C-alpha atoms as a PDB file:
ATOM      1  CA  UNK A   1     122.888  75.663  74.778  1.00  0.00           C
ATOM      2  CA  UNK A   2     123.671  73.436  77.718  1.00  0.00           C
ATOM      3  CA  UNK A   3     127.291  73.426  78.801  1.00  0.00           C
ATOM      4  CA  UNK A   4     127.112  70.045  80.614  1.00  0.00           C
ATOM      5  CA  UNK A   5     125.726  68.463  77.434  1.00  0.00           C
ATOM      6  CA  UNK A   6     128.439  70.108  75.321  1.00  0.00           C
ATOM      7  CA  UNK A   7     131.137  68.826  77.671  1.00  0.00           C
ATOM      8  CA  UNK A   8     129.688  65.308  77.609  1.00  0.00           C
ATOM      9  CA  UNK A   9     129.527  65.244  73.806  1.00  0.00           C
ATOM     10  CA  UNK A  10     133.037  66.699  73.492  1.00  0.00           C
ATOM     11  CA  UNK A  11     134.551  64.199  75.934  1.00  0.00           C
ATOM     12  CA  UNK A  12     132.915  61.129  74.419  1.00  0.00           C
ATOM     13  CA  UNK A  13     133.083  61.767  70.673  1.00  0.00           C
ATOM     14  CA  UNK A  14     135.635  62.776  68.089  1.00  0.00           C
ATOM     15  CA  UNK A  15     135.258  65.938  66.057  1.00  0.00           C
ATOM     16  CA  UNK A  16     134.536  63.806  62.979  1.00  0.00           C
ATOM     17  CA  UNK A  17     131.732  61.935  64.748  1.00  0.00           C
ATOM     18  CA  UNK A  18     130.157  65.172  65.921  1.00  0.00           C
ATOM     19  CA  UNK A  19     130.388  66.774  62.483  1.00  0.00           C
ATOM     20  CA  UNK A  20     128.755  63.695  60.907  1.00  0.00           C
ATOM     21  CA  UNK A  21     125.906  63.955  63.392  1.00  0.00           C
ATOM     22  CA  UNK A  22     125.445  67.639  62.558  1.00  0.00           C
ATOM     23  CA  UNK A  23     125.210  66.776  58.852  1.00  0.00           C
ATOM     24  CA  UNK A  24     122.552  64.132  59.530  1.00  0.00           C
ATOM     25  CA  UNK A  25     120.481  66.494  61.681  1.00  0.00           C
ATOM     26  CA  UNK A  26     120.749  69.269  59.089  1.00  0.00           C
ATOM     27  CA  UNK A  27     119.564  66.864  56.404  1.00  0.00           C
ATOM     28  CA  UNK A  28     116.702  65.660  58.610  1.00  0.00           C
ATOM     29  CA  UNK A  29     115.664  69.265  59.298  1.00  0.00           C
ATOM     30  CA  UNK A  30     115.013  69.738  55.578  1.00  0.00           C
ATOM     31  CA  UNK A  31     112.252  67.121  55.629  1.00  0.00           C
ATOM     32  CA  UNK A  32     109.002  68.936  54.881  1.00  0.00           C
ATOM     33  CA  UNK A  33     106.860  67.273  57.550  1.00  0.00           C
ATOM     34  CA  UNK A  34     108.885  68.282  60.603  1.00  0.00           C
ATOM     35  CA  UNK A  35     106.837  70.042  63.250  1.00  0.00           C
ATOM     36  CA  UNK A  36     107.934  73.278  64.872  1.00  0.00           C
ATOM     37  CA  UNK A  37     108.596  71.455  68.163  1.00  0.00           C
ATOM     38  CA  UNK A  38     110.793  68.918  66.385  1.00  0.00           C
ATOM     39  CA  UNK A  39     112.647  71.729  64.631  1.00  0.00           C
ATOM     40  CA  UNK A  40     113.295  73.419  67.988  1.00  0.00           C
ATOM     41  CA  UNK A  41     114.756  70.187  69.348  1.00  0.00           C
ATOM     42  CA  UNK A  42     116.928  69.692  66.267  1.00  0.00           C
ATOM     43  CA  UNK A  43     118.136  73.278  66.590  1.00  0.00           C
ATOM     44  CA  UNK A  44     119.081  72.744  70.231  1.00  0.00           C
ATOM     45  CA  UNK A  45     120.919  69.534  69.360  1.00  0.00           C
ATOM     46  CA  UNK A  46     122.834  71.195  66.523  1.00  0.00           C
ATOM     47  CA  UNK A  47     123.755  74.106  68.803  1.00  0.00           C
ATOM     48  CA  UNK A  48     125.168  71.748  71.427  1.00  0.00           C
ATOM     49  CA  UNK A  49     127.024  69.715  68.802  1.00  0.00           C
ATOM     50  CA  UNK A  50     128.565  72.823  67.227  1.00  0.00           C
ATOM     51  CA  UNK A  51     129.596  73.950  70.700  1.00  0.00           C
ATOM     52  CA  UNK A  52     131.309  70.611  71.277  1.00  0.00           C
ATOM     53  CA  UNK A  53     133.237  71.014  68.007  1.00  0.00           C
ATOM     54  CA  UNK A  54     134.383  74.496  69.041  1.00  0.00           C
ATOM     55  CA  UNK A  55     135.476  73.267  72.463  1.00  0.00           C
ATOM     56  CA  UNK A  56     137.368  70.401  70.779  1.00  0.00           C
ATOM     57  CA  UNK A  57     139.207  72.902  68.569  1.00  0.00           C
ATOM     58  CA  UNK A  58     140.167  75.122  71.507  1.00  0.00           C
ATOM     59  CA  UNK A  59     141.518  72.101  73.386  1.00  0.00           C
ATOM     60  CA  UNK A  60     143.482  70.996  70.311  1.00  0.00           C
ATOM     61  CA  UNK A  61     144.986  74.506  70.212  1.00  0.00           C
ATOM     62  CA  UNK A  62     146.306  73.965  73.735  1.00  0.00           C
ATOM     63  CA  UNK A  63     143.609  75.451  75.949  1.00  0.00           C
ATOM     64  CA  UNK A  64     142.700  73.441  79.082  1.00  0.00           C
ATOM     65  CA  UNK A  65     139.307  71.723  78.825  1.00  0.00           C
ATOM     66  CA  UNK A  66     137.669  73.751  81.572  1.00  0.00           C
ATOM     67  CA  UNK A  67     138.885  77.049  80.100  1.00  0.00           C
ATOM     68  CA  UNK A  68     137.749  76.021  76.624  1.00  0.00           C
ATOM     69  CA  UNK A  69     134.232  75.231  77.831  1.00  0.00           C
ATOM     70  CA  UNK A  70     133.997  78.462  79.834  1.00  0.00           C
ATOM     71  CA  UNK A  71     135.392  80.519  76.936  1.00  0.00           C
ATOM     72  CA  UNK A  72     132.780  79.047  74.623  1.00  0.00           C
ATOM     73  CA  UNK A  73     129.979  79.753  77.116  1.00  0.00           C
ATOM     74  CA  UNK A  74     131.119  83.368  77.535  1.00  0.00           C
ATOM     75  CA  UNK A  75     131.297  83.767  73.756  1.00  0.00           C
ATOM     76  CA  UNK A  76     127.688  82.614  73.415  1.00  0.00           C
ATOM     77  CA  UNK A  77     126.476  84.773  76.292  1.00  0.00           C
ATOM     78  CA  UNK A  78     128.328  87.746  74.835  1.00  0.00           C
ATOM     79  CA  UNK A  79     126.662  87.278  71.447  1.00  0.00           C
ATOM     80  CA  UNK A  80     123.219  87.090  73.072  1.00  0.00           C
ATOM     81  CA  UNK A  81     123.773  90.368  74.916  1.00  0.00           C
ATOM     82  CA  UNK A  82     124.418  92.257  71.674  1.00  0.00           C
END
């Protein structure tokens, strides 16, 4: 997860565009000749895209952009610590 990447994606794309990208990457990840390195990259991309969708939703619910991004980051860090 890279917060600057998530912010960039969130600022420059609609939720629908991001969700379409996630679907394409998930479909691509099912291809049987993907290497482990490629799968790691796809996983990182999907994580950042899902983060951008969550930040979008928080902003739509009225949270300021900076707070939404920080809240998402703390949520991820909190889940890692468990």
